[in-house]
N, C-alpha and C. Protein backbone atom coordinates (compact mmCIF):
# COMPACT_ATOMS: atom_id res chain seq x y z
N MET A 1 -39.19 -17.42 -31.34
CA MET A 1 -39.16 -18.90 -31.02
C MET A 1 -38.20 -19.55 -31.82
N ALA A 2 -38.09 -19.31 -33.13
CA ALA A 2 -37.31 -20.10 -33.95
C ALA A 2 -35.78 -19.99 -33.47
N LYS A 3 -35.51 -18.58 -33.25
CA LYS A 3 -34.08 -18.30 -32.78
C LYS A 3 -33.80 -19.11 -31.42
N ILE A 4 -34.68 -19.08 -30.58
CA ILE A 4 -34.47 -19.84 -29.34
C ILE A 4 -34.11 -21.37 -29.72
N THR A 5 -35.00 -21.86 -30.32
CA THR A 5 -34.83 -23.43 -30.65
C THR A 5 -33.71 -23.54 -31.52
N THR A 6 -33.16 -22.64 -32.44
CA THR A 6 -31.92 -22.87 -33.03
C THR A 6 -30.66 -22.82 -32.06
N ASN A 7 -30.77 -21.84 -31.11
CA ASN A 7 -29.80 -21.66 -29.94
C ASN A 7 -29.59 -22.96 -29.20
N LYS A 8 -30.79 -23.44 -28.79
CA LYS A 8 -30.69 -24.66 -27.89
C LYS A 8 -30.22 -25.85 -28.78
N LYS A 9 -30.49 -25.96 -29.95
CA LYS A 9 -29.76 -27.04 -30.77
C LYS A 9 -28.31 -26.90 -30.83
N MET A 10 -27.79 -25.59 -31.07
CA MET A 10 -26.38 -25.36 -31.03
C MET A 10 -25.75 -25.78 -29.80
N ALA A 11 -26.44 -25.47 -28.71
CA ALA A 11 -25.91 -25.75 -27.33
C ALA A 11 -25.78 -27.12 -27.15
N ALA A 12 -26.84 -27.87 -27.48
CA ALA A 12 -26.79 -29.31 -27.37
C ALA A 12 -25.67 -30.00 -28.26
N SER A 13 -25.54 -29.42 -29.48
CA SER A 13 -24.53 -30.05 -30.40
C SER A 13 -23.05 -29.83 -29.75
N SER A 14 -22.94 -28.61 -29.08
CA SER A 14 -21.59 -28.35 -28.57
C SER A 14 -21.41 -29.21 -27.27
N ARG A 15 -22.41 -29.57 -26.52
CA ARG A 15 -22.18 -30.40 -25.41
C ARG A 15 -21.89 -31.81 -25.63
N ARG A 16 -22.58 -32.32 -26.96
CA ARG A 16 -22.16 -33.63 -27.52
C ARG A 16 -20.74 -33.60 -27.90
N TRP A 17 -20.41 -32.47 -28.70
CA TRP A 17 -18.97 -32.62 -29.28
C TRP A 17 -18.08 -32.66 -28.03
N LEU A 18 -18.21 -31.91 -26.74
CA LEU A 18 -17.37 -31.91 -25.82
C LEU A 18 -17.22 -33.08 -25.25
N GLU A 19 -18.40 -33.79 -24.91
CA GLU A 19 -18.42 -35.17 -24.38
C GLU A 19 -17.75 -36.02 -25.06
N GLU A 20 -17.91 -36.00 -26.39
CA GLU A 20 -17.09 -36.92 -27.32
C GLU A 20 -15.75 -36.74 -27.24
N HIS A 21 -15.35 -35.55 -27.42
CA HIS A 21 -13.96 -35.11 -27.34
C HIS A 21 -13.27 -35.59 -26.10
N LEU A 22 -13.87 -35.37 -24.80
CA LEU A 22 -13.26 -35.67 -23.59
C LEU A 22 -13.02 -37.03 -23.47
N ASN A 23 -13.94 -37.90 -24.09
CA ASN A 23 -13.82 -39.37 -24.10
C ASN A 23 -13.13 -39.99 -25.27
N ASP A 24 -12.77 -39.26 -26.17
CA ASP A 24 -12.04 -39.78 -27.42
C ASP A 24 -10.86 -40.40 -27.10
N GLU A 25 -10.63 -41.68 -27.65
CA GLU A 25 -9.49 -42.54 -27.27
C GLU A 25 -8.18 -41.96 -27.68
N PHE A 26 -8.19 -41.09 -28.79
CA PHE A 26 -6.98 -40.49 -29.22
C PHE A 26 -6.72 -39.39 -28.35
N VAL A 27 -7.64 -38.63 -27.87
CA VAL A 27 -7.41 -37.37 -26.96
C VAL A 27 -6.74 -38.01 -25.73
N LEU A 28 -7.27 -39.02 -25.20
CA LEU A 28 -6.86 -39.79 -23.96
C LEU A 28 -5.28 -40.25 -24.07
N LEU A 29 -5.08 -40.85 -25.35
CA LEU A 29 -3.85 -41.32 -25.57
C LEU A 29 -2.80 -40.34 -25.80
N ALA A 30 -3.36 -39.27 -26.45
CA ALA A 30 -2.19 -38.00 -26.43
C ALA A 30 -1.70 -37.53 -25.33
N LYS A 31 -2.69 -37.39 -24.16
CA LYS A 31 -2.35 -36.98 -22.80
C LYS A 31 -1.45 -37.97 -22.16
N ARG A 32 -1.63 -39.23 -22.36
CA ARG A 32 -0.78 -40.21 -21.65
C ARG A 32 0.64 -40.23 -22.32
N GLU A 33 0.68 -40.07 -23.56
CA GLU A 33 1.98 -40.04 -24.41
C GLU A 33 2.68 -38.72 -24.48
N GLY A 34 2.12 -37.65 -24.04
CA GLY A 34 2.82 -36.37 -23.94
C GLY A 34 2.67 -35.62 -25.21
N TYR A 35 1.65 -35.84 -26.14
CA TYR A 35 1.60 -35.24 -27.34
C TYR A 35 0.59 -33.93 -27.22
N ARG A 36 0.57 -32.90 -27.88
CA ARG A 36 -0.04 -31.71 -27.99
C ARG A 36 -1.47 -31.81 -28.33
N SER A 37 -1.77 -32.83 -29.27
CA SER A 37 -3.20 -32.93 -29.78
C SER A 37 -3.43 -34.38 -30.35
N ARG A 38 -4.62 -34.89 -30.54
CA ARG A 38 -4.96 -36.12 -31.12
C ARG A 38 -4.44 -36.24 -32.57
N ALA A 39 -4.38 -35.09 -33.22
CA ALA A 39 -4.05 -35.14 -34.66
C ALA A 39 -2.62 -35.82 -34.89
N VAL A 40 -1.90 -35.85 -33.90
CA VAL A 40 -0.56 -36.45 -33.94
C VAL A 40 -0.70 -38.01 -34.70
N TYR A 41 -1.83 -38.56 -34.16
CA TYR A 41 -1.96 -39.93 -34.46
C TYR A 41 -2.29 -40.26 -36.03
N LYS A 42 -2.85 -39.10 -36.55
CA LYS A 42 -3.19 -39.04 -38.03
C LYS A 42 -1.77 -39.05 -38.88
N LEU A 43 -0.89 -38.15 -38.35
CA LEU A 43 0.60 -38.17 -39.09
C LEU A 43 1.26 -39.46 -38.81
N LEU A 44 1.32 -39.93 -37.41
CA LEU A 44 2.10 -41.15 -37.13
C LEU A 44 1.62 -42.28 -37.91
N GLU A 45 0.37 -42.47 -38.15
CA GLU A 45 -0.21 -43.60 -39.07
C GLU A 45 0.32 -43.40 -40.45
N ILE A 46 0.15 -42.22 -41.02
CA ILE A 46 0.67 -42.01 -42.35
C ILE A 46 2.12 -42.13 -42.46
N ASP A 47 2.92 -41.81 -41.49
CA ASP A 47 4.31 -41.80 -41.58
C ASP A 47 4.68 -43.29 -41.29
N ASP A 48 4.14 -43.98 -40.56
CA ASP A 48 4.44 -45.44 -40.39
C ASP A 48 4.31 -46.18 -41.85
N LYS A 49 3.28 -45.76 -42.58
CA LYS A 49 2.82 -46.54 -43.68
C LYS A 49 3.91 -45.90 -44.96
N ASP A 50 4.13 -44.58 -44.91
CA ASP A 50 4.67 -44.10 -46.16
C ASP A 50 6.22 -43.63 -45.91
N LYS A 51 6.58 -43.54 -44.77
CA LYS A 51 7.91 -43.40 -44.45
C LYS A 51 8.50 -41.93 -44.83
N LEU A 52 7.59 -40.84 -44.41
CA LEU A 52 8.14 -39.58 -44.67
C LEU A 52 9.16 -38.87 -44.14
N LEU A 53 9.19 -39.06 -42.75
CA LEU A 53 10.04 -38.48 -41.93
C LEU A 53 11.34 -39.26 -41.55
N ARG A 54 12.39 -38.63 -42.05
CA ARG A 54 13.62 -39.33 -41.81
C ARG A 54 14.72 -38.26 -41.36
N PRO A 55 15.72 -38.76 -40.75
CA PRO A 55 16.64 -37.93 -40.25
C PRO A 55 17.42 -37.24 -41.31
N GLY A 56 17.66 -35.74 -41.09
CA GLY A 56 18.29 -35.01 -42.12
C GLY A 56 17.43 -34.23 -42.96
N LEU A 57 16.10 -34.59 -42.81
CA LEU A 57 15.22 -33.79 -43.79
C LEU A 57 14.96 -32.34 -43.34
N THR A 58 14.45 -31.44 -44.15
CA THR A 58 13.98 -30.14 -43.85
C THR A 58 12.51 -30.13 -44.04
N VAL A 59 11.62 -29.92 -42.95
CA VAL A 59 10.37 -30.00 -43.02
C VAL A 59 9.61 -28.74 -42.64
N VAL A 60 8.37 -28.29 -43.37
CA VAL A 60 7.66 -27.11 -43.12
C VAL A 60 6.38 -27.44 -42.74
N ASP A 61 5.87 -27.28 -41.49
CA ASP A 61 4.45 -27.57 -41.01
C ASP A 61 3.69 -26.25 -41.03
N LEU A 62 2.61 -26.22 -41.76
CA LEU A 62 1.85 -25.30 -42.02
C LEU A 62 0.57 -25.37 -41.26
N GLY A 63 0.17 -24.50 -40.57
CA GLY A 63 -1.12 -24.50 -39.68
C GLY A 63 -0.65 -25.27 -38.37
N ALA A 64 0.52 -24.96 -37.91
CA ALA A 64 1.13 -26.10 -36.84
C ALA A 64 0.63 -26.05 -35.52
N ALA A 65 0.01 -24.92 -35.03
CA ALA A 65 -0.50 -24.79 -33.74
C ALA A 65 -1.72 -25.90 -33.37
N PRO A 66 -1.61 -26.61 -32.27
CA PRO A 66 -0.72 -26.47 -31.16
C PRO A 66 0.64 -26.94 -31.01
N GLY A 67 0.87 -27.50 -32.11
CA GLY A 67 2.29 -28.14 -32.36
C GLY A 67 2.37 -29.75 -32.33
N GLY A 68 1.43 -30.38 -32.48
CA GLY A 68 1.60 -31.82 -32.44
C GLY A 68 2.29 -32.48 -33.70
N TRP A 69 1.85 -31.85 -34.84
CA TRP A 69 2.72 -32.48 -35.99
C TRP A 69 4.16 -32.04 -35.93
N SER A 70 4.52 -30.82 -35.53
CA SER A 70 5.90 -30.44 -35.33
C SER A 70 6.67 -31.30 -34.33
N GLN A 71 5.85 -31.69 -33.19
CA GLN A 71 6.57 -32.57 -32.19
C GLN A 71 6.77 -34.05 -32.93
N VAL A 72 5.99 -34.48 -33.74
CA VAL A 72 6.26 -35.72 -34.35
C VAL A 72 7.49 -35.66 -35.30
N ALA A 73 7.39 -34.75 -36.08
CA ALA A 73 8.50 -34.36 -36.87
C ALA A 73 9.79 -34.27 -36.27
N ARG A 74 9.75 -33.41 -35.32
CA ARG A 74 11.16 -33.37 -34.49
C ARG A 74 11.53 -34.49 -33.97
N ARG A 75 10.69 -35.41 -33.44
CA ARG A 75 11.17 -36.65 -32.84
C ARG A 75 11.59 -37.68 -33.82
N ARG A 76 10.96 -37.54 -34.98
CA ARG A 76 11.36 -38.72 -35.83
C ARG A 76 12.54 -38.23 -36.87
N LEU A 77 12.71 -36.91 -36.79
CA LEU A 77 14.10 -36.36 -37.50
C LEU A 77 15.18 -36.73 -36.55
N GLY A 78 15.06 -36.89 -35.34
CA GLY A 78 16.21 -36.94 -34.40
C GLY A 78 16.88 -35.66 -34.13
N LYS A 79 18.22 -35.76 -34.00
CA LYS A 79 19.00 -34.47 -33.74
C LYS A 79 19.29 -33.83 -35.10
N ARG A 80 19.17 -34.52 -36.27
CA ARG A 80 19.49 -34.07 -37.52
C ARG A 80 18.08 -33.39 -38.17
N GLY A 81 18.42 -32.63 -39.28
CA GLY A 81 17.07 -32.08 -40.00
C GLY A 81 16.72 -30.79 -39.33
N ARG A 82 15.80 -30.40 -39.74
CA ARG A 82 15.22 -28.86 -39.38
C ARG A 82 13.52 -29.01 -39.66
N VAL A 83 12.90 -28.36 -38.50
CA VAL A 83 11.50 -28.27 -38.70
C VAL A 83 11.16 -26.80 -38.51
N LEU A 84 10.54 -26.16 -39.43
CA LEU A 84 9.90 -25.07 -39.42
C LEU A 84 8.40 -24.88 -39.44
N ALA A 85 7.86 -24.18 -38.50
CA ALA A 85 6.41 -24.26 -38.23
C ALA A 85 5.83 -22.85 -38.48
N LEU A 86 4.70 -22.61 -38.92
CA LEU A 86 3.99 -21.54 -39.27
C LEU A 86 2.55 -21.51 -38.77
N ASP A 87 1.91 -20.61 -38.15
CA ASP A 87 0.46 -20.61 -37.73
C ASP A 87 0.18 -19.14 -37.37
N ILE A 88 -1.15 -18.91 -37.60
CA ILE A 88 -1.57 -17.49 -37.21
C ILE A 88 -1.77 -17.49 -35.63
N LEU A 89 -1.89 -18.52 -35.20
CA LEU A 89 -2.18 -18.59 -33.64
C LEU A 89 -0.81 -18.81 -32.93
N GLU A 90 -0.66 -18.51 -31.56
CA GLU A 90 0.36 -18.64 -30.86
C GLU A 90 0.62 -20.22 -30.61
N MET A 91 1.85 -20.49 -30.44
CA MET A 91 2.20 -21.81 -30.10
C MET A 91 3.50 -21.99 -29.22
N ASP A 92 3.29 -22.69 -28.13
CA ASP A 92 4.47 -22.86 -27.00
C ASP A 92 5.50 -23.35 -27.89
N SER A 93 6.71 -22.90 -27.30
CA SER A 93 7.82 -23.26 -27.95
C SER A 93 8.23 -24.77 -27.90
N LEU A 94 8.78 -25.39 -28.84
CA LEU A 94 9.27 -26.78 -28.83
C LEU A 94 10.85 -26.74 -29.23
N ALA A 95 11.48 -27.54 -28.39
CA ALA A 95 12.95 -27.49 -28.71
C ALA A 95 13.14 -28.03 -30.01
N GLY A 96 13.97 -27.34 -30.77
CA GLY A 96 14.44 -27.76 -32.18
C GLY A 96 13.46 -27.37 -33.33
N VAL A 97 12.38 -26.66 -32.89
CA VAL A 97 11.44 -26.38 -33.91
C VAL A 97 11.48 -24.70 -34.10
N GLU A 98 11.50 -24.15 -35.36
CA GLU A 98 11.51 -22.77 -35.54
C GLU A 98 10.20 -22.40 -35.97
N PHE A 99 9.77 -21.46 -35.04
CA PHE A 99 8.27 -21.05 -35.35
C PHE A 99 8.15 -19.65 -35.80
N ILE A 100 7.12 -19.39 -36.78
CA ILE A 100 6.68 -18.09 -37.24
C ILE A 100 5.31 -17.92 -36.95
N GLN A 101 4.99 -16.73 -36.21
CA GLN A 101 3.51 -16.58 -35.98
C GLN A 101 3.15 -15.67 -36.96
N GLY A 102 2.13 -16.00 -37.81
CA GLY A 102 1.67 -15.12 -38.94
C GLY A 102 0.52 -15.68 -39.61
N ASP A 103 -0.18 -14.84 -40.39
CA ASP A 103 -1.36 -15.33 -41.23
C ASP A 103 -0.72 -15.86 -42.61
N PHE A 104 -0.93 -17.16 -42.91
CA PHE A 104 -0.45 -17.81 -44.03
C PHE A 104 -0.93 -17.31 -45.19
N ARG A 105 -2.17 -16.54 -45.12
CA ARG A 105 -2.59 -15.99 -46.35
C ARG A 105 -2.07 -14.62 -46.64
N GLU A 106 -1.08 -14.05 -45.88
CA GLU A 106 -0.48 -12.81 -45.89
C GLU A 106 0.95 -13.02 -46.36
N ASP A 107 1.44 -11.85 -47.28
CA ASP A 107 2.70 -11.99 -47.67
C ASP A 107 3.85 -11.96 -46.53
N GLU A 108 3.45 -11.27 -45.62
CA GLU A 108 4.48 -10.96 -44.46
C GLU A 108 4.74 -12.40 -43.84
N ALA A 109 3.88 -13.25 -43.58
CA ALA A 109 4.13 -14.54 -42.87
C ALA A 109 5.11 -15.41 -43.98
N ILE A 110 4.57 -15.37 -45.28
CA ILE A 110 5.41 -16.23 -46.23
C ILE A 110 6.82 -15.83 -46.49
N ASN A 111 7.05 -14.29 -46.48
CA ASN A 111 8.37 -13.62 -46.65
C ASN A 111 9.10 -14.11 -45.30
N GLY A 112 8.53 -14.21 -44.01
CA GLY A 112 9.46 -14.71 -42.97
C GLY A 112 9.84 -16.02 -43.23
N LEU A 113 8.98 -16.83 -43.63
CA LEU A 113 9.39 -18.26 -43.83
C LEU A 113 10.56 -18.32 -44.93
N MET A 114 10.40 -17.60 -45.92
CA MET A 114 11.47 -17.58 -46.90
C MET A 114 12.62 -17.19 -46.46
N GLU A 115 12.62 -15.92 -45.62
CA GLU A 115 14.05 -15.55 -45.09
C GLU A 115 14.46 -16.64 -44.21
N MET A 116 13.77 -17.42 -43.36
CA MET A 116 14.45 -18.35 -42.62
C MET A 116 14.98 -19.57 -43.42
N LEU A 117 14.37 -19.81 -44.53
CA LEU A 117 14.76 -20.84 -45.48
C LEU A 117 16.13 -20.32 -46.16
N GLY A 118 16.22 -19.22 -46.46
CA GLY A 118 17.19 -18.68 -47.22
C GLY A 118 17.26 -19.32 -48.55
N ASP A 119 18.48 -20.11 -48.93
CA ASP A 119 18.66 -20.55 -50.29
C ASP A 119 18.39 -22.12 -50.00
N SER A 120 17.85 -22.57 -48.94
CA SER A 120 17.69 -24.05 -48.74
C SER A 120 16.33 -24.41 -49.39
N THR A 121 16.15 -25.45 -49.85
CA THR A 121 14.88 -26.09 -50.13
C THR A 121 14.51 -27.00 -49.18
N VAL A 122 13.22 -27.42 -49.23
CA VAL A 122 12.40 -28.25 -48.37
C VAL A 122 12.21 -29.59 -48.85
N ASP A 123 12.31 -30.66 -48.07
CA ASP A 123 11.96 -31.96 -48.38
C ASP A 123 10.64 -32.47 -48.18
N LEU A 124 9.86 -31.95 -47.28
CA LEU A 124 8.43 -32.24 -46.92
C LEU A 124 7.78 -30.89 -46.47
N VAL A 125 6.58 -30.65 -47.22
CA VAL A 125 5.56 -29.68 -46.78
C VAL A 125 4.45 -30.43 -46.27
N MET A 126 4.14 -30.04 -45.02
CA MET A 126 2.79 -30.77 -44.70
C MET A 126 1.99 -29.73 -43.84
N SER A 127 0.68 -30.04 -44.12
CA SER A 127 -0.38 -29.06 -43.77
C SER A 127 -1.59 -29.69 -43.16
N ASP A 128 -1.95 -29.23 -41.90
CA ASP A 128 -3.13 -29.84 -41.44
C ASP A 128 -3.97 -28.76 -41.09
N MET A 129 -4.00 -27.62 -41.87
CA MET A 129 -4.67 -26.50 -41.67
C MET A 129 -6.27 -26.66 -42.02
N ALA A 130 -7.03 -25.98 -41.21
CA ALA A 130 -8.58 -25.83 -41.58
C ALA A 130 -8.89 -24.50 -41.11
N PRO A 131 -9.95 -23.92 -41.88
CA PRO A 131 -10.43 -22.66 -41.51
C PRO A 131 -11.29 -22.74 -40.30
N ASN A 132 -11.42 -21.62 -39.67
CA ASN A 132 -12.52 -21.68 -38.59
C ASN A 132 -13.93 -21.76 -39.16
N MET A 133 -14.61 -22.96 -38.67
CA MET A 133 -15.79 -23.51 -39.37
C MET A 133 -16.90 -22.49 -38.88
N SER A 134 -17.67 -22.16 -39.80
CA SER A 134 -19.00 -21.40 -39.71
C SER A 134 -20.31 -22.15 -39.49
N GLY A 135 -20.02 -23.36 -39.91
CA GLY A 135 -21.42 -24.23 -39.78
C GLY A 135 -22.03 -24.20 -41.14
N VAL A 136 -21.67 -23.37 -42.06
CA VAL A 136 -22.33 -23.25 -43.33
C VAL A 136 -21.44 -24.15 -44.29
N ARG A 137 -21.87 -25.42 -44.57
CA ARG A 137 -20.87 -26.50 -45.17
C ARG A 137 -20.32 -25.97 -46.41
N ASP A 138 -21.11 -25.53 -47.35
CA ASP A 138 -20.40 -25.18 -48.66
C ASP A 138 -19.32 -24.04 -48.50
N MET A 139 -19.75 -23.09 -47.62
CA MET A 139 -18.68 -21.85 -47.38
C MET A 139 -17.44 -22.48 -46.70
N ASP A 140 -17.69 -23.31 -45.80
CA ASP A 140 -16.53 -23.85 -45.09
C ASP A 140 -15.55 -24.64 -46.00
N LYS A 141 -16.08 -25.46 -46.87
CA LYS A 141 -15.34 -26.29 -47.79
C LYS A 141 -14.69 -25.33 -48.91
N THR A 142 -15.25 -24.37 -49.21
CA THR A 142 -14.66 -23.38 -50.22
C THR A 142 -13.42 -22.78 -49.50
N ARG A 143 -13.60 -22.24 -48.16
CA ARG A 143 -12.45 -21.74 -47.55
C ARG A 143 -11.43 -22.54 -47.28
N ALA A 144 -11.77 -23.80 -46.98
CA ALA A 144 -10.71 -24.93 -46.77
C ALA A 144 -9.92 -25.11 -47.89
N MET A 145 -10.60 -25.36 -49.15
CA MET A 145 -9.98 -25.39 -50.41
C MET A 145 -9.01 -24.32 -50.75
N TYR A 146 -9.31 -23.21 -50.43
CA TYR A 146 -8.58 -21.96 -50.55
C TYR A 146 -7.19 -22.09 -49.86
N LEU A 147 -7.29 -22.69 -48.68
CA LEU A 147 -6.05 -22.74 -47.91
C LEU A 147 -5.14 -24.04 -48.61
N VAL A 148 -5.72 -25.15 -48.98
CA VAL A 148 -5.16 -26.15 -49.61
C VAL A 148 -4.42 -25.58 -50.92
N GLU A 149 -5.15 -24.76 -51.71
CA GLU A 149 -4.45 -24.26 -52.80
C GLU A 149 -3.25 -23.28 -52.56
N LEU A 150 -3.34 -22.55 -51.43
CA LEU A 150 -2.18 -21.77 -51.00
C LEU A 150 -1.13 -22.70 -50.66
N ALA A 151 -1.30 -23.67 -49.92
CA ALA A 151 -0.23 -24.72 -49.49
C ALA A 151 0.32 -25.33 -50.67
N PHE A 152 -0.28 -25.72 -51.51
CA PHE A 152 0.22 -26.30 -52.86
C PHE A 152 1.11 -25.36 -53.53
N ASP A 153 0.49 -24.15 -53.78
CA ASP A 153 1.25 -23.02 -54.54
C ASP A 153 2.63 -22.79 -53.73
N LEU A 154 2.66 -22.72 -52.48
CA LEU A 154 3.96 -22.60 -51.61
C LEU A 154 4.81 -23.81 -51.81
N SER A 155 4.20 -24.99 -51.81
CA SER A 155 5.05 -26.11 -52.02
C SER A 155 5.93 -26.11 -53.30
N ARG A 156 5.14 -25.59 -54.45
CA ARG A 156 5.93 -25.58 -55.55
C ARG A 156 6.98 -24.57 -55.72
N GLN A 157 7.03 -23.62 -54.59
CA GLN A 157 8.13 -22.63 -54.49
C GLN A 157 9.28 -23.13 -53.68
N ILE A 158 9.02 -23.92 -52.76
CA ILE A 158 10.02 -24.30 -51.84
C ILE A 158 10.61 -25.84 -51.93
N LEU A 159 9.83 -26.56 -52.32
CA LEU A 159 10.29 -28.04 -52.38
C LEU A 159 11.41 -28.25 -53.31
N ARG A 160 12.24 -29.25 -52.85
CA ARG A 160 13.28 -29.73 -53.79
C ARG A 160 12.68 -30.54 -54.71
N PRO A 161 13.45 -30.86 -55.87
CA PRO A 161 12.98 -31.99 -56.81
C PRO A 161 12.86 -33.25 -56.15
N GLY A 162 11.80 -34.02 -56.24
CA GLY A 162 11.57 -35.29 -55.52
C GLY A 162 11.03 -35.02 -54.19
N GLY A 163 10.64 -33.91 -53.67
CA GLY A 163 10.10 -33.69 -52.52
C GLY A 163 8.69 -34.07 -52.35
N ASP A 164 8.12 -34.07 -51.12
CA ASP A 164 6.88 -34.49 -50.84
C ASP A 164 5.81 -33.47 -50.16
N LEU A 165 4.68 -33.44 -50.29
CA LEU A 165 3.48 -32.61 -49.83
C LEU A 165 2.39 -33.57 -49.21
N LEU A 166 2.07 -33.09 -48.01
CA LEU A 166 0.93 -33.97 -47.34
C LEU A 166 0.08 -32.83 -46.79
N MET A 167 -1.21 -32.82 -47.22
CA MET A 167 -2.23 -31.86 -47.03
C MET A 167 -3.53 -32.47 -46.47
N LYS A 168 -4.13 -31.86 -45.62
CA LYS A 168 -5.55 -32.17 -45.22
C LYS A 168 -6.50 -31.52 -46.20
N VAL A 169 -7.31 -32.38 -46.77
CA VAL A 169 -8.44 -31.75 -47.66
C VAL A 169 -9.84 -32.22 -47.32
N PHE A 170 -10.74 -31.35 -47.61
CA PHE A 170 -12.17 -31.75 -47.38
C PHE A 170 -12.78 -31.97 -48.77
N GLN A 171 -13.32 -33.17 -48.81
CA GLN A 171 -13.93 -33.51 -50.14
C GLN A 171 -15.04 -32.66 -50.48
N GLY A 172 -15.02 -32.14 -51.84
CA GLY A 172 -16.20 -31.22 -52.05
C GLY A 172 -15.73 -30.62 -53.34
N PRO A 173 -16.30 -29.50 -53.68
CA PRO A 173 -16.03 -28.63 -54.93
C PRO A 173 -14.49 -28.40 -54.98
N GLY A 174 -14.05 -28.71 -56.20
CA GLY A 174 -12.59 -28.40 -56.46
C GLY A 174 -11.75 -29.51 -56.08
N TYR A 175 -12.27 -30.61 -55.57
CA TYR A 175 -11.39 -31.79 -55.14
C TYR A 175 -10.70 -32.42 -56.23
N ASP A 176 -11.64 -32.85 -57.24
CA ASP A 176 -11.17 -33.60 -58.43
C ASP A 176 -10.15 -32.76 -59.33
N GLN A 177 -10.37 -31.49 -59.40
CA GLN A 177 -9.43 -30.63 -60.05
C GLN A 177 -8.08 -30.47 -59.30
N LEU A 178 -8.22 -30.54 -57.93
CA LEU A 178 -6.93 -30.45 -57.18
C LEU A 178 -6.07 -31.77 -57.51
N ILE A 179 -6.81 -32.77 -57.46
CA ILE A 179 -5.97 -34.04 -57.79
C ILE A 179 -5.38 -34.00 -59.08
N LYS A 180 -5.97 -33.50 -60.19
CA LYS A 180 -5.38 -33.36 -61.48
C LYS A 180 -4.13 -32.43 -61.56
N GLU A 181 -4.24 -31.36 -60.71
CA GLU A 181 -3.12 -30.49 -60.72
C GLU A 181 -2.09 -31.10 -59.94
N LEU A 182 -2.35 -31.76 -58.82
CA LEU A 182 -1.19 -32.53 -57.99
C LEU A 182 -0.44 -33.41 -59.06
N ARG A 183 -1.16 -34.21 -59.65
CA ARG A 183 -0.61 -35.16 -60.69
C ARG A 183 0.27 -34.52 -61.90
N HIS A 184 0.02 -33.24 -62.00
CA HIS A 184 0.90 -32.53 -63.04
C HIS A 184 2.20 -32.19 -62.32
N SER A 185 2.31 -32.14 -61.15
CA SER A 185 3.50 -31.57 -60.32
C SER A 185 4.29 -32.73 -59.65
N PHE A 186 3.62 -33.77 -59.45
CA PHE A 186 4.26 -34.88 -58.53
C PHE A 186 4.13 -36.28 -59.26
N ASP A 187 4.97 -37.14 -58.95
CA ASP A 187 5.06 -38.45 -59.74
C ASP A 187 3.91 -39.36 -59.22
N LYS A 188 3.60 -39.09 -57.90
CA LYS A 188 2.41 -40.07 -57.31
C LYS A 188 1.58 -39.24 -56.40
N VAL A 189 0.39 -39.62 -56.50
CA VAL A 189 -0.62 -38.91 -55.57
C VAL A 189 -1.71 -40.07 -54.84
N VAL A 190 -1.56 -40.02 -53.57
CA VAL A 190 -2.38 -40.99 -52.94
C VAL A 190 -3.26 -40.38 -51.82
N THR A 191 -4.40 -41.10 -51.52
CA THR A 191 -5.29 -40.62 -50.48
C THR A 191 -5.11 -41.43 -49.30
N ARG A 192 -5.14 -40.72 -48.15
CA ARG A 192 -5.09 -41.61 -46.76
C ARG A 192 -6.19 -41.09 -45.81
N LYS A 193 -6.83 -41.95 -45.17
CA LYS A 193 -7.76 -41.71 -44.37
C LYS A 193 -7.40 -42.30 -42.86
N PRO A 194 -6.55 -41.66 -42.00
CA PRO A 194 -6.13 -42.41 -40.87
C PRO A 194 -7.18 -42.74 -39.92
N LYS A 195 -7.04 -43.78 -38.89
CA LYS A 195 -8.14 -44.00 -38.13
C LYS A 195 -8.45 -42.87 -37.17
N ALA A 196 -7.44 -42.07 -36.95
CA ALA A 196 -7.76 -40.84 -35.83
C ALA A 196 -8.59 -39.89 -36.54
N SER A 197 -8.95 -40.08 -37.84
CA SER A 197 -9.72 -39.04 -38.57
C SER A 197 -11.19 -39.64 -38.55
N ARG A 198 -12.05 -38.82 -37.81
CA ARG A 198 -13.16 -39.18 -37.51
C ARG A 198 -14.23 -39.67 -38.90
N ASP A 199 -14.95 -40.77 -38.77
CA ASP A 199 -15.56 -41.30 -39.80
C ASP A 199 -16.64 -40.37 -40.44
N ARG A 200 -17.27 -39.52 -39.61
CA ARG A 200 -18.14 -38.68 -40.24
C ARG A 200 -17.61 -37.38 -40.99
N SER A 201 -16.41 -37.34 -40.73
CA SER A 201 -15.66 -36.11 -41.33
C SER A 201 -15.41 -36.38 -42.75
N SER A 202 -15.57 -35.23 -43.63
CA SER A 202 -15.14 -35.46 -44.98
C SER A 202 -13.72 -35.22 -45.23
N GLU A 203 -12.89 -35.08 -44.18
CA GLU A 203 -11.48 -34.87 -44.36
C GLU A 203 -10.78 -36.16 -44.80
N VAL A 204 -9.87 -35.95 -45.64
CA VAL A 204 -8.76 -36.93 -46.29
C VAL A 204 -7.44 -36.27 -46.19
N TYR A 205 -6.52 -37.12 -46.32
CA TYR A 205 -5.21 -36.57 -46.40
C TYR A 205 -4.45 -37.00 -47.81
N LEU A 206 -4.15 -35.91 -48.65
CA LEU A 206 -3.58 -36.22 -49.96
C LEU A 206 -2.02 -36.14 -49.66
N LEU A 207 -1.50 -37.24 -50.13
CA LEU A 207 -0.11 -37.29 -50.18
C LEU A 207 0.61 -37.34 -51.65
N ALA A 208 1.18 -36.30 -51.95
CA ALA A 208 1.85 -36.20 -53.17
C ALA A 208 3.42 -36.26 -53.01
N ARG A 209 3.96 -37.23 -53.88
CA ARG A 209 5.24 -37.65 -53.74
C ARG A 209 6.05 -37.51 -55.11
N GLY A 210 7.32 -37.05 -54.98
CA GLY A 210 8.08 -36.96 -56.15
C GLY A 210 7.83 -35.57 -56.91
N PHE A 211 8.25 -34.39 -56.27
CA PHE A 211 7.84 -33.19 -56.85
C PHE A 211 8.70 -32.99 -58.17
N ARG A 212 8.03 -32.41 -59.06
CA ARG A 212 8.66 -32.12 -60.45
C ARG A 212 8.59 -30.64 -60.75
N LEU A 213 9.89 -30.16 -61.03
CA LEU A 213 9.97 -28.74 -61.41
C LEU A 213 9.24 -28.50 -62.65
């Protein structure tokens, strides 16, 4: 009986999420404006405020699929600059975006990114990555923080001095320590909570500016 009740609760929760998603103002807006996901409005709001994306930059987009953030970066860089995207999932091609399909946690994918960069450094690393959620809150936050730490570590390898890092982070264990470590490597660290980020979500975006070697 307990198992049946749990399954019913999960089914009801899934229906509520689907109904909310289909009626979400940002989902509807993304469809009207030709964007691949509602997540673009998080990046657009942050960029409007902080002026991250400028013509001529080299940008790496981690966890890029379905490609919304890469779309925004490519449009705001104009014809100049470079966008490199990486994800374990397939992503439909985007004009002007170089895509690597691979697991960010594996050396093969990172080595592929490094080969594409060659001797070039990066102006901005951005990550909207999140793990597949299990529903076990503490486990999910631990897995999410692991991805954040990997993105931070990669940024220290490929960013130019003065470069920027933008990452989605879920507040929880390890969050305060992460802030301290970011402040050791960057001149400024700020928190952003865009309107498109749902109020009930513990996600925030950490923007670290002015990378120091």
